[in-house]
Every structure is written in C-alpha cells, then in structure tokens.
Amino acid sequence: MGLYVTRSVKLRKSTKKPQAPLLPGDVALLRQLEDEKKRRKEAPEKLKNLGKAPIPWQVSTDTDLGVVMKSILSRQWVELEEKTIHHELYAMVHTFRASLPPLLLVSQIYGVFPHSSTYIDREINKERKAGRVRLLTVNQGDSNDLLIDSAAFYAAMGEGRHINKLKAMLQNAPEATWLGINALRNAGLTDQEVSQLVQEGHLSIDPGNHQVRYIMTPMQGAFLKLVTSGRTWLLKTLMANKWKELPENNIQEKLDSSKGYWRNLKGLSLEYILFDAVGSGWIDGFNTPIGRGWKVLRTR
C-alpha cells in the first residue's frame, strides 16, 4: 500500500466585489475614449515656426520677364522615364506634354518675382505692347490669366485661310484679349469661319456677351484643368493636416506616391505647383528645424 502525502490548501475569500457587466453604452464610451486617445497620440505636432523662409527660386529684381518665363517652363515636369510607369501611360503622358503650348499663369510670375504685383503687371504690359508676349484672359480680373511667348502663340495657330485672317488681326493688336464680332466680320471673316475658329480653340464665346470672342490658344482648357488639379491637390494635402501645414519634403513624398500622379497631373513638379500657390496667395513658406514648411493662408 503506497503512502501519499497531501497538502491542504487554504482558500482565501476574495475581498473584491464582482464587477457588473458593461452595458452597451459603456462599451461605446470606452471605445470612444480609446479612439480619442489614439487620435491624440497620432496627431501631428505643430511645426516650430522659425520665421519666413527665403524662396530659392525667386529671381533678382533685374531679371528679364522672358528669362523668368523660360525658367518656370523649364521646371514644369518631372523627368519622364518609361521604366517607371506602364508603357501605355508613358505614351499618353508624353503625347499630352508634347501637345501642350508653353503657357503659364500670371500668378506663377507673381510667385517668382520678388516684386509687388503692380510692378510685374507693368512689366507684362510693356512686353505685350512690344508684341513679345500675349496675355490670354480667362475671366476678367481673375488670377488665372495666362501668358505665352508671342512667337509660340502664332506657331500654335497653324495655317489656314481663316487662321491667317485672324493672325493678321492679332498682330495688329498685340494687347487685345478679345475681339468684337463686327471687327471679325470687317476683317473678312465670315460667321462660319468665326465658328470654325471657336471649334479649333482659337476663340471662345463670352456667355455674358455674344458680341465678344475671347482670344485663346489650342489646348488652353487642358492646361487650365492641369494646373487647377495641381493646386487643388496641394491645398487638400495641406488641409488634411490638423495645423494645415507640412514640411516640404513630406509634401514631396505624398506627391510622389499619390494615386493618379502620372494619369491626372502628368508628372507636374512640386516646384511648378508651388509657383502658382505662392503667387496667388494660397500658401506661404516658413523655416522650421527640419527645413522649409508650407502653410495654408486662405481657403477661398
């Protein structure tokens, strides 16, 4: 018969009261508190503002307007490499870029010249009067007014009997942004030819005045859609931040990885987008301990 040794265990009575089961409302409250705690933990810190940041692309006060225009256009695109995107998308982007006239926004000039807008407008008007640049008005008094080198403008018009009549009119009126329907008729253009010029993108109808035709260049609408998309993307990206600000390198990372960057923005460079956003007063730059930051100044 085996011998077994046993230990007696003294059971202690719990002094804690049993917890009441959580009600659905309590569960929801706890979840809300946890979510709030998580949001506070993940919320970005406000960037330390060390003062206004110098903008590296701003040109000197004596720089020629034509040089500034070429500089802006030279920074329009990120380099297009077939190995980085799908072949069909590459072909689409390449074709679009090649078809786009060398347009730029007046606001981009404001963003590059360290002068008041009054000075810049005076310089633009001087170049217009000399016939070196053409101003294309989108809406009267709108910051979306466009500039294009006159030689490029006339080259984009192409050839044709009706086009040559319009070209002669415009060369005699280098500062004109619109033409009256009677002036077009007096220049020998029939109503059918005027309609053809509208269809081809050389003129547009003013919805508020059917006696007026605004001067355009082909692909002008596509250009405006592109730059507006770039501006909208930048503002939405900054507005998504609690403080409506981000370091520039963070913006660049978001742009590089954004969905539809090549399909919608056709590889616009961040610098080119910033020219417009700064010049039109949407954003401003400031120094931070981690480099230049950008903040939203207005939303309308």
Protein backbone atom coordinates (compact mmCIF):
# COMPACT_ATOMS: atom_id res chain seq x y z
CA MET A 1 0.00 0.00 0.00
CA GLY A 2 1.56 3.28 -1.13
CA LEU A 3 1.98 6.27 1.06
CA TYR A 4 0.67 9.61 -0.28
CA VAL A 5 1.41 12.97 1.29
CA THR A 6 -1.12 15.69 0.65
CA ARG A 7 -1.02 19.43 1.31
CA SER A 8 -4.02 21.23 2.50
CA VAL A 9 -4.75 24.47 0.61
CA LYS A 10 -6.47 27.23 2.43
CA LEU A 11 -8.87 29.06 0.19
CA ARG A 12 -8.94 32.80 0.63
CA LYS A 13 -12.11 34.68 0.23
CA SER A 14 -11.91 37.47 -2.34
CA THR A 15 -12.46 40.87 -0.83
CA LYS A 16 -13.26 42.37 -4.27
CA LYS A 17 -16.83 42.83 -5.25
CA PRO A 18 -17.75 41.17 -8.54
CA GLN A 19 -17.81 43.69 -11.43
CA ALA A 20 -21.11 44.43 -13.01
CA PRO A 21 -21.27 43.59 -16.73
CA LEU A 22 -20.69 46.51 -19.10
CA LEU A 23 -23.77 47.97 -20.70
CA PRO A 24 -23.76 48.73 -24.45
CA GLY A 25 -23.49 52.44 -23.68
CA ASP A 26 -20.43 51.83 -21.50
CA VAL A 27 -18.74 49.81 -24.25
CA ALA A 28 -19.35 52.59 -26.76
CA LEU A 29 -17.96 55.19 -24.33
CA LEU A 30 -14.81 53.14 -23.70
CA ARG A 31 -14.27 52.71 -27.42
CA GLN A 32 -14.73 56.45 -27.94
CA LEU A 33 -12.16 57.20 -25.22
CA GLU A 34 -9.69 54.73 -26.76
CA ASP A 35 -10.18 56.24 -30.22
CA GLU A 36 -9.67 59.75 -28.84
CA LYS A 37 -6.52 58.61 -27.04
CA LYS A 38 -5.25 57.07 -30.28
CA ARG A 39 -6.04 60.22 -32.27
CA ARG A 40 -4.19 62.40 -29.76
CA LYS A 41 -1.21 60.07 -29.95
CA GLU A 42 -1.20 60.10 -33.77
CA ALA A 43 -2.00 63.83 -34.18
CA PRO A 44 0.92 65.68 -35.79
CA GLU A 45 2.75 68.25 -33.75
CA LYS A 46 2.58 71.85 -34.90
CA LEU A 47 5.74 72.78 -36.78
CA LYS A 48 8.00 75.23 -34.98
CA ASN A 49 7.98 78.46 -36.97
CA LEU A 50 11.47 79.99 -37.17
CA GLY A 51 10.42 82.87 -39.39
CA LYS A 52 9.73 83.45 -43.07
CA ALA A 53 11.66 81.14 -45.34
CA PRO A 54 13.57 82.55 -48.31
CA ILE A 55 12.16 81.13 -51.53
CA PRO A 56 15.10 79.74 -53.53
CA TRP A 57 13.52 80.09 -56.95
CA GLN A 58 12.78 83.82 -56.65
CA VAL A 59 14.79 85.74 -59.23
CA SER A 60 16.69 89.00 -58.87
CA THR A 61 14.91 92.30 -59.42
CA ASP A 62 16.62 92.98 -62.74
CA THR A 63 15.79 89.65 -64.39
CA ASP A 64 14.11 89.91 -67.79
CA LEU A 65 10.47 88.74 -67.94
CA GLY A 66 11.25 86.45 -70.87
CA VAL A 67 14.01 84.75 -68.85
CA VAL A 68 11.59 84.23 -65.94
CA MET A 69 9.00 82.65 -68.24
CA LYS A 70 11.57 80.23 -69.66
CA SER A 71 12.76 79.36 -66.15
CA ILE A 72 9.22 78.50 -65.00
CA LEU A 73 8.56 76.38 -68.09
CA SER A 74 11.86 74.52 -67.65
CA ARG A 75 10.72 73.35 -64.20
CA GLN A 76 7.23 72.24 -65.23
CA TRP A 77 7.74 68.48 -65.39
CA VAL A 78 9.37 65.63 -63.55
CA GLU A 79 11.56 63.65 -65.93
CA LEU A 80 9.52 61.02 -67.75
CA GLU A 81 11.10 57.56 -67.74
CA GLU A 82 9.41 54.62 -69.43
CA LYS A 83 10.81 52.15 -66.92
CA THR A 84 8.98 53.84 -64.03
CA ILE A 85 5.43 53.70 -65.43
CA HIS A 86 3.33 51.45 -67.68
CA HIS A 87 4.05 51.75 -71.41
CA GLU A 88 0.53 52.96 -72.32
CA LEU A 89 0.56 55.57 -69.55
CA TYR A 90 4.03 56.69 -70.65
CA ALA A 91 2.78 57.20 -74.21
CA MET A 92 -0.30 59.12 -73.02
CA VAL A 93 1.74 61.46 -70.78
CA HIS A 94 4.38 62.00 -73.49
CA THR A 95 1.72 62.87 -76.09
CA PHE A 96 -0.07 65.25 -73.71
CA ARG A 97 3.11 67.10 -72.79
CA ALA A 98 4.13 67.45 -76.43
CA SER A 99 0.72 68.88 -77.41
CA LEU A 100 0.61 71.47 -74.61
CA PRO A 101 1.55 75.04 -75.64
CA PRO A 102 4.15 76.86 -73.47
CA LEU A 103 1.54 78.60 -71.34
CA LEU A 104 1.96 79.80 -67.78
CA LEU A 105 -0.19 81.56 -65.22
CA VAL A 106 0.36 85.20 -64.33
CA SER A 107 0.20 84.06 -60.69
CA GLN A 108 3.33 81.98 -61.32
CA ILE A 109 5.16 85.15 -62.36
CA TYR A 110 4.00 86.72 -59.07
CA GLY A 111 5.43 83.71 -57.22
CA VAL A 112 8.86 84.04 -58.85
CA PHE A 113 9.45 87.80 -59.00
CA PRO A 114 10.20 89.33 -55.54
CA HIS A 115 8.25 92.45 -56.55
CA SER A 116 4.78 93.80 -55.99
CA SER A 117 2.11 92.68 -58.42
CA THR A 118 1.87 96.29 -59.66
CA TYR A 119 5.49 96.21 -60.85
CA ILE A 120 5.01 92.83 -62.51
CA ASP A 121 1.81 93.93 -64.26
CA ARG A 122 3.67 96.96 -65.59
CA GLU A 123 6.46 94.73 -66.96
CA ILE A 124 3.93 92.38 -68.56
CA ASN A 125 2.11 95.29 -70.21
CA LYS A 126 5.41 96.64 -71.55
CA GLU A 127 6.19 93.26 -73.14
CA ARG A 128 2.66 92.99 -74.53
CA LYS A 129 2.88 96.42 -76.14
CA ALA A 130 6.17 95.41 -77.75
CA GLY A 131 4.49 92.28 -79.11
CA ARG A 132 6.81 89.87 -77.30
CA VAL A 133 4.20 88.16 -75.09
CA ARG A 134 0.47 87.55 -75.36
CA LEU A 135 -1.93 87.79 -72.42
CA LEU A 136 -4.93 85.44 -72.60
CA THR A 137 -7.81 86.37 -70.32
CA VAL A 138 -9.79 83.53 -68.76
CA ASN A 139 -12.10 85.69 -66.63
CA GLN A 140 -11.85 89.45 -66.31
CA GLY A 141 -9.74 90.29 -63.25
CA ASP A 142 -9.07 86.62 -62.48
CA SER A 143 -5.66 85.42 -61.27
CA ASN A 144 -5.91 82.60 -63.83
CA ASP A 145 -4.90 84.94 -66.67
CA LEU A 146 -2.31 83.31 -68.89
CA LEU A 147 0.91 84.37 -70.60
CA ILE A 148 2.55 82.89 -73.67
CA ASP A 149 5.51 83.91 -75.79
CA SER A 150 4.12 85.56 -78.93
CA ALA A 151 6.22 83.50 -81.34
CA ALA A 152 4.96 80.29 -79.70
CA PHE A 153 1.40 81.61 -79.75
CA TYR A 154 1.41 82.25 -83.51
CA ALA A 155 3.20 78.95 -84.21
CA ALA A 156 0.45 77.08 -82.32
CA MET A 157 -2.21 78.67 -84.56
CA GLY A 158 -1.05 76.71 -87.59
CA GLU A 159 -2.05 77.70 -91.11
CA GLY A 160 -5.30 78.17 -93.00
CA ARG A 161 -7.16 80.92 -94.82
CA HIS A 162 -9.39 81.71 -91.85
CA ILE A 163 -6.46 81.40 -89.41
CA ASN A 164 -4.31 83.79 -91.45
CA LYS A 165 -7.07 86.43 -91.33
CA LEU A 166 -7.22 86.14 -87.54
CA LYS A 167 -3.44 86.12 -87.26
CA ALA A 168 -3.21 89.41 -89.18
CA MET A 169 -5.78 90.98 -86.84
CA LEU A 170 -3.91 89.86 -83.73
CA GLN A 171 -0.52 91.03 -84.99
CA ASN A 172 -2.01 94.49 -85.44
CA ALA A 173 -3.50 94.40 -81.92
CA PRO A 174 -0.81 92.84 -79.65
CA GLU A 175 -2.53 93.94 -76.43
CA ALA A 176 -6.04 92.72 -77.33
CA THR A 177 -7.53 89.93 -75.23
CA TRP A 178 -10.87 89.84 -77.08
CA LEU A 179 -12.35 90.80 -80.44
CA GLY A 180 -15.81 92.09 -81.31
CA ILE A 181 -17.86 90.08 -83.78
CA ASN A 182 -18.19 93.14 -86.06
CA ALA A 183 -14.41 93.63 -86.10
CA LEU A 184 -14.01 89.98 -87.14
CA ARG A 185 -16.52 90.48 -89.97
CA ASN A 186 -14.78 93.69 -91.08
CA ALA A 187 -11.52 91.71 -91.30
CA GLY A 188 -13.17 89.48 -93.88
CA LEU A 189 -14.08 86.56 -91.63
CA THR A 190 -17.48 85.00 -92.29
CA ASP A 191 -19.68 83.83 -89.42
CA GLN A 192 -18.92 80.26 -90.48
CA GLU A 193 -15.17 80.92 -90.28
CA VAL A 194 -15.56 82.51 -86.84
CA SER A 195 -17.45 79.40 -85.68
CA GLN A 196 -14.63 77.27 -87.08
CA LEU A 197 -12.07 79.32 -85.13
CA VAL A 198 -14.09 78.70 -81.96
CA GLN A 199 -14.23 74.95 -82.63
CA GLU A 200 -10.47 74.83 -83.24
CA GLY A 201 -9.71 76.59 -79.95
CA HIS A 202 -8.51 79.96 -81.26
CA LEU A 203 -11.51 81.92 -79.96
CA SER A 204 -14.09 81.40 -77.24
CA ILE A 205 -17.60 82.77 -76.75
CA ASP A 206 -18.33 85.06 -73.81
CA PRO A 207 -21.54 83.67 -72.22
CA GLY A 208 -22.45 87.16 -70.99
CA ASN A 209 -21.88 88.94 -74.30
CA HIS A 210 -22.43 87.13 -77.59
CA GLN A 211 -20.86 90.03 -79.50
CA VAL A 212 -17.44 89.22 -77.99
CA ARG A 213 -14.95 86.44 -78.78
CA TYR A 214 -12.05 85.91 -76.37
CA ILE A 215 -8.64 85.11 -77.85
CA MET A 216 -7.39 81.62 -77.00
CA THR A 217 -4.76 79.10 -77.96
CA PRO A 218 -5.47 75.39 -78.65
CA MET A 219 -5.21 73.15 -75.56
CA GLN A 220 -5.75 76.15 -73.26
CA GLY A 221 -8.59 74.36 -71.47
CA ALA A 222 -6.47 71.25 -70.91
CA PHE A 223 -3.68 73.40 -69.47
CA LEU A 224 -6.04 75.15 -67.05
CA LYS A 225 -7.50 71.84 -65.92
CA LEU A 226 -4.00 70.51 -65.27
CA VAL A 227 -2.72 73.44 -63.19
CA THR A 228 -6.01 73.67 -61.28
CA SER A 229 -5.69 69.96 -60.42
CA GLY A 230 -2.16 70.57 -59.13
CA ARG A 231 -3.28 73.50 -56.98
CA THR A 232 -6.27 71.55 -55.64
CA TRP A 233 -4.10 68.55 -54.76
CA LEU A 234 -1.63 70.74 -52.83
CA LEU A 235 -4.32 72.57 -50.85
CA LYS A 236 -6.17 69.34 -50.00
CA THR A 237 -2.92 67.76 -48.83
CA LEU A 238 -2.13 70.70 -46.54
CA MET A 239 -5.73 70.98 -45.31
CA ALA A 240 -5.71 67.31 -44.29
CA ASN A 241 -3.14 68.19 -41.64
CA LYS A 242 -4.55 69.38 -38.30
CA TRP A 243 -2.49 72.57 -38.50
CA LYS A 244 -2.90 72.99 -42.27
CA GLU A 245 0.87 72.85 -42.73
CA LEU A 246 3.54 70.34 -43.73
CA PRO A 247 7.30 70.19 -44.27
CA GLU A 248 8.19 70.46 -47.95
CA ASN A 249 9.92 67.07 -48.04
CA ASN A 250 6.76 65.48 -46.64
CA ILE A 251 4.67 67.13 -49.37
CA GLN A 252 7.10 65.83 -51.99
CA GLU A 253 6.79 62.27 -50.63
CA LYS A 254 3.00 62.47 -50.74
CA LEU A 255 3.08 63.81 -54.30
CA ASP A 256 5.44 61.06 -55.50
CA SER A 257 3.21 58.35 -54.03
CA SER A 258 -0.17 59.94 -54.81
CA LYS A 259 -2.67 57.92 -56.77
CA GLY A 260 -3.08 59.24 -60.27
CA TYR A 261 0.07 61.38 -60.16
CA TRP A 262 1.00 60.45 -63.72
CA ARG A 263 -2.51 59.98 -65.09
CA ASN A 264 -4.03 63.18 -63.66
CA LEU A 265 -1.10 65.52 -63.05
CA LYS A 266 1.06 64.19 -65.92
CA GLY A 267 4.14 64.40 -63.68
CA LEU A 268 3.94 68.09 -62.74
CA SER A 269 6.82 69.07 -60.47
CA LEU A 270 6.07 70.25 -56.94
CA GLU A 271 8.13 73.38 -57.56
CA TYR A 272 5.91 74.31 -60.53
CA ILE A 273 2.76 73.82 -58.43
CA LEU A 274 4.26 75.97 -55.67
CA PHE A 275 4.96 78.84 -58.10
CA ASP A 276 1.22 79.26 -58.59
CA ALA A 277 0.13 78.60 -54.99
CA VAL A 278 2.61 81.16 -53.63
CA GLY A 279 1.94 83.75 -56.34
CA SER A 280 -1.83 83.59 -55.93
CA GLY A 281 -1.58 83.88 -52.14
CA TRP A 282 -2.89 80.42 -51.22
CA ILE A 283 0.14 79.38 -49.18
CA ASP A 284 3.26 80.79 -47.55
CA GLY A 285 6.62 79.28 -46.66
CA PHE A 286 8.35 79.37 -43.28
CA ASN A 287 11.53 77.98 -41.73
CA THR A 288 11.37 75.01 -39.36
CA PRO A 289 14.07 72.97 -37.57
CA ILE A 290 13.62 70.27 -40.25
CA GLY A 291 13.64 72.50 -43.32
CA ARG A 292 11.14 74.66 -45.17
CA GLY A 293 7.46 74.22 -44.35
CA TRP A 294 4.32 75.39 -46.15
CA LYS A 295 1.07 76.56 -44.59
CA VAL A 296 -2.36 77.47 -45.96
CA LEU A 297 -3.17 81.20 -45.84
CA ARG A 298 -6.68 81.09 -47.30
CA THR A 299 -9.21 78.54 -48.49
CA ARG A 300 -11.16 80.73 -50.94
